[in-house]
C-alpha atoms as a PDB file:
ATOM      1  CA  MET A   1       0.377   0.429   0.159  1.00  0.00           C
ATOM      2  CA  ILE A   2       0.967   3.481  -1.004  1.00  0.00           C
ATOM      3  CA  VAL A   3       0.716   6.021   1.885  1.00  0.00           C
ATOM      4  CA  PRO A   4       0.724   9.246   0.266  1.00  0.00           C
ATOM      5  CA  LYS A   5       2.815  11.898   1.682  1.00  0.00           C
ATOM      6  CA  PRO A   6       1.737  14.592   3.470  1.00  0.00           C
ATOM      7  CA  VAL A   7       0.872  18.303   2.098  1.00  0.00           C
ATOM      8  CA  ALA A   8       2.837  20.928   3.882  1.00  0.00           C
ATOM      9  CA  VAL A   9       1.215  24.675   3.492  1.00  0.00           C
ATOM     10  CA  PHE A  10       3.122  27.687   3.667  1.00  0.00           C
ATOM     11  CA  CYS A  11       1.424  30.617   4.426  1.00  0.00           C
ATOM     12  CA  PRO A  12       3.629  33.713   5.986  1.00  0.00           C
ATOM     13  CA  GLU A  13       0.389  35.925   6.412  1.00  0.00           C
ATOM     14  CA  PHE A  14      -1.413  32.833   8.910  1.00  0.00           C
ATOM     15  CA  THR A  15       1.026  32.981  10.852  1.00  0.00           C
ATOM     16  CA  LYS A  16       1.056  36.395  11.765  1.00  0.00           C
ATOM     17  CA  TRP A  17      -3.058  36.695  12.085  1.00  0.00           C
ATOM     18  CA  ILE A  18      -2.575  33.456  14.424  1.00  0.00           C
ATOM     19  CA  ARG A  19       0.226  35.609  16.540  1.00  0.00           C
ATOM     20  CA  GLY A  20      -2.569  38.437  16.392  1.00  0.00           C
ATOM     21  CA  GLN A  21      -5.416  36.201  17.653  1.00  0.00           C
ATOM     22  CA  PRO A  22      -5.909  35.694  21.529  1.00  0.00           C
ATOM     23  CA  CYS A  23      -4.488  32.567  22.999  1.00  0.00           C
ATOM     24  CA  PHE A  24      -7.676  29.981  22.921  1.00  0.00           C
ATOM     25  CA  VAL A  25      -7.185  29.032  26.349  1.00  0.00           C
ATOM     26  CA  SER A  26      -6.536  31.725  28.282  1.00  0.00           C
ATOM     27  CA  GLY A  27      -7.289  34.658  26.174  1.00  0.00           C
ATOM     28  CA  GLU A  28      -3.877  36.690  26.920  1.00  0.00           C
ATOM     29  CA  ALA A  29      -2.043  37.688  24.007  1.00  0.00           C
ATOM     30  CA  ALA A  30      -0.804  34.632  21.796  1.00  0.00           C
ATOM     31  CA  GLU A  31       2.216  33.182  20.001  1.00  0.00           C
ATOM     32  CA  SER A  32       2.125  30.352  17.331  1.00  0.00           C
ATOM     33  CA  HIS A  33       2.158  26.607  18.252  1.00  0.00           C
ATOM     34  CA  HIS A  34       2.748  23.649  15.785  1.00  0.00           C
ATOM     35  CA  VAL A  35       0.642  20.975  16.738  1.00  0.00           C
ATOM     36  CA  ARG A  36       2.355  18.293  14.790  1.00  0.00           C
ATOM     37  CA  GLY A  37       6.091  19.864  14.547  1.00  0.00           C
ATOM     38  CA  ARG A  38       6.789  22.861  12.394  1.00  0.00           C
ATOM     39  CA  ARG A  39       7.529  19.678   9.258  1.00  0.00           C
ATOM     40  CA  PHE A  40       9.246  22.166   7.197  1.00  0.00           C
ATOM     41  CA  GLY A  41       7.460  25.327   7.631  1.00  0.00           C
ATOM     42  CA  ASP A  42       4.151  24.026   7.694  1.00  0.00           C
ATOM     43  CA  VAL A  43       1.377  26.059   9.360  1.00  0.00           C
ATOM     44  CA  SER A  44      -1.742  24.447   8.603  1.00  0.00           C
ATOM     45  CA  ASN A  45      -1.426  23.138  11.964  1.00  0.00           C
ATOM     46  CA  VAL A  46      -0.660  26.204  14.009  1.00  0.00           C
ATOM     47  CA  VAL A  47      -2.480  27.118  17.097  1.00  0.00           C
ATOM     48  CA  PRO A  48      -2.921  30.384  19.004  1.00  0.00           C
ATOM     49  CA  LEU A  49      -1.691  30.499  22.755  1.00  0.00           C
ATOM     50  CA  SER A  50      -0.725  32.027  25.202  1.00  0.00           C
ATOM     51  CA  HIS A  51       3.226  32.177  26.235  1.00  0.00           C
ATOM     52  CA  SER A  52       2.662  30.753  29.475  1.00  0.00           C
ATOM     53  CA  GLU A  53       0.264  28.297  27.902  1.00  0.00           C
ATOM     54  CA  HIS A  54       2.772  27.542  25.198  1.00  0.00           C
ATOM     55  CA  MET A  55       5.725  26.715  27.806  1.00  0.00           C
ATOM     56  CA  GLN A  56       3.464  24.244  29.983  1.00  0.00           C
ATOM     57  CA  LEU A  57       2.715  22.280  26.737  1.00  0.00           C
ATOM     58  CA  HIS A  58       6.479  21.748  26.352  1.00  0.00           C
ATOM     59  CA  SER A  59       7.205  21.181  29.861  1.00  0.00           C
ATOM     60  CA  TRP A  60       4.141  18.899  30.692  1.00  0.00           C
ATOM     61  CA  GLY A  61       3.888  16.875  27.089  1.00  0.00           C
ATOM     62  CA  LYS A  62       1.267  17.280  24.338  1.00  0.00           C
ATOM     63  CA  LEU A  63      -1.174  14.586  26.256  1.00  0.00           C
ATOM     64  CA  THR A  64      -1.086  15.713  29.666  1.00  0.00           C
ATOM     65  CA  TRP A  65      -1.738  19.390  28.946  1.00  0.00           C
ATOM     66  CA  GLN A  66      -4.411  18.425  26.842  1.00  0.00           C
ATOM     67  CA  LYS A  67      -6.165  16.212  28.943  1.00  0.00           C
ATOM     68  CA  ARG A  68      -6.126  18.825  31.804  1.00  0.00           C
ATOM     69  CA  ARG A  69      -6.936  21.567  29.258  1.00  0.00           C
ATOM     70  CA  GLY A  70      -9.426  19.296  27.846  1.00  0.00           C
ATOM     71  CA  VAL A  71      -8.670  20.437  24.425  1.00  0.00           C
ATOM     72  CA  ASN A  72      -8.159  18.631  21.276  1.00  0.00           C
ATOM     73  CA  LEU A  73      -4.876  20.348  19.472  1.00  0.00           C
ATOM     74  CA  SER A  74      -5.766  18.351  16.298  1.00  0.00           C
ATOM     75  CA  LEU A  75      -9.121  19.473  16.404  1.00  0.00           C
ATOM     76  CA  GLN A  76      -8.170  23.043  17.331  1.00  0.00           C
ATOM     77  CA  ALA A  77      -5.962  23.730  14.736  1.00  0.00           C
ATOM     78  CA  ALA A  78      -8.139  22.626  11.785  1.00  0.00           C
ATOM     79  CA  LEU A  79     -10.793  25.035  13.355  1.00  0.00           C
ATOM     80  CA  TRP A  80      -8.213  28.255  13.128  1.00  0.00           C
ATOM     81  CA  TRP A  81      -6.828  26.966   9.896  1.00  0.00           C
ATOM     82  CA  ALA A  82     -10.686  26.600   8.331  1.00  0.00           C
ATOM     83  CA  ARG A  83     -11.308  30.562  10.573  1.00  0.00           C
ATOM     84  CA  TRP A  84      -8.216  31.770   8.255  1.00  0.00           C
ATOM     85  CA  GLN A  85     -10.011  30.250   5.297  1.00  0.00           C
ATOM     86  CA  ASP A  86     -13.399  31.450   5.801  1.00  0.00           C
ATOM     87  CA  ARG A  87     -12.829  34.700   7.193  1.00  0.00           C
ATOM     88  CA  ALA A  88     -14.663  37.802   5.441  1.00  0.00           C
ATOM     89  CA  ASP A  89     -11.290  39.471   3.727  1.00  0.00           C
ATOM     90  CA  GLY A  90     -10.915  37.432   1.042  1.00  0.00           C
ATOM     91  CA  VAL A  91      -6.944  37.331   1.013  1.00  0.00           C
ATOM     92  CA  ASP A  92      -6.082  33.782   0.230  1.00  0.00           C
ATOM     93  CA  GLY A  93      -2.287  34.585   1.552  1.00  0.00           C
ATOM     94  CA  VAL A  94      -1.308  30.603   0.896  1.00  0.00           C
ATOM     95  CA  THR A  95       2.054  30.924  -1.135  1.00  0.00           C
ATOM     96  CA  GLU A  96       3.170  27.362  -1.657  1.00  0.00           C
ATOM     97  CA  MET A  97       1.599  23.875  -1.055  1.00  0.00           C
ATOM     98  CA  ARG A  98       3.838  20.998  -1.591  1.00  0.00           C
END
């Protein structure tokens, strides 16, 4: 069976937009967190997290952090990517897909 290579999405505007959103956990100012790793710059798996939540996630580990916070990071990443794609201003911003 052939397994297709994952598609990496490159969109600097999305990463900038994510950093301008509030943390989806605390509501504080956010930085971007890559849910599945940066995978050569892939941004379709990014969520906005405050610095303290981001550091706790890395300290506790993904599974423990998700359990304690009651969230699914992969689902959140998909929701944020969909929100970006559906936003009203219509700017695509995706520069490359591999």
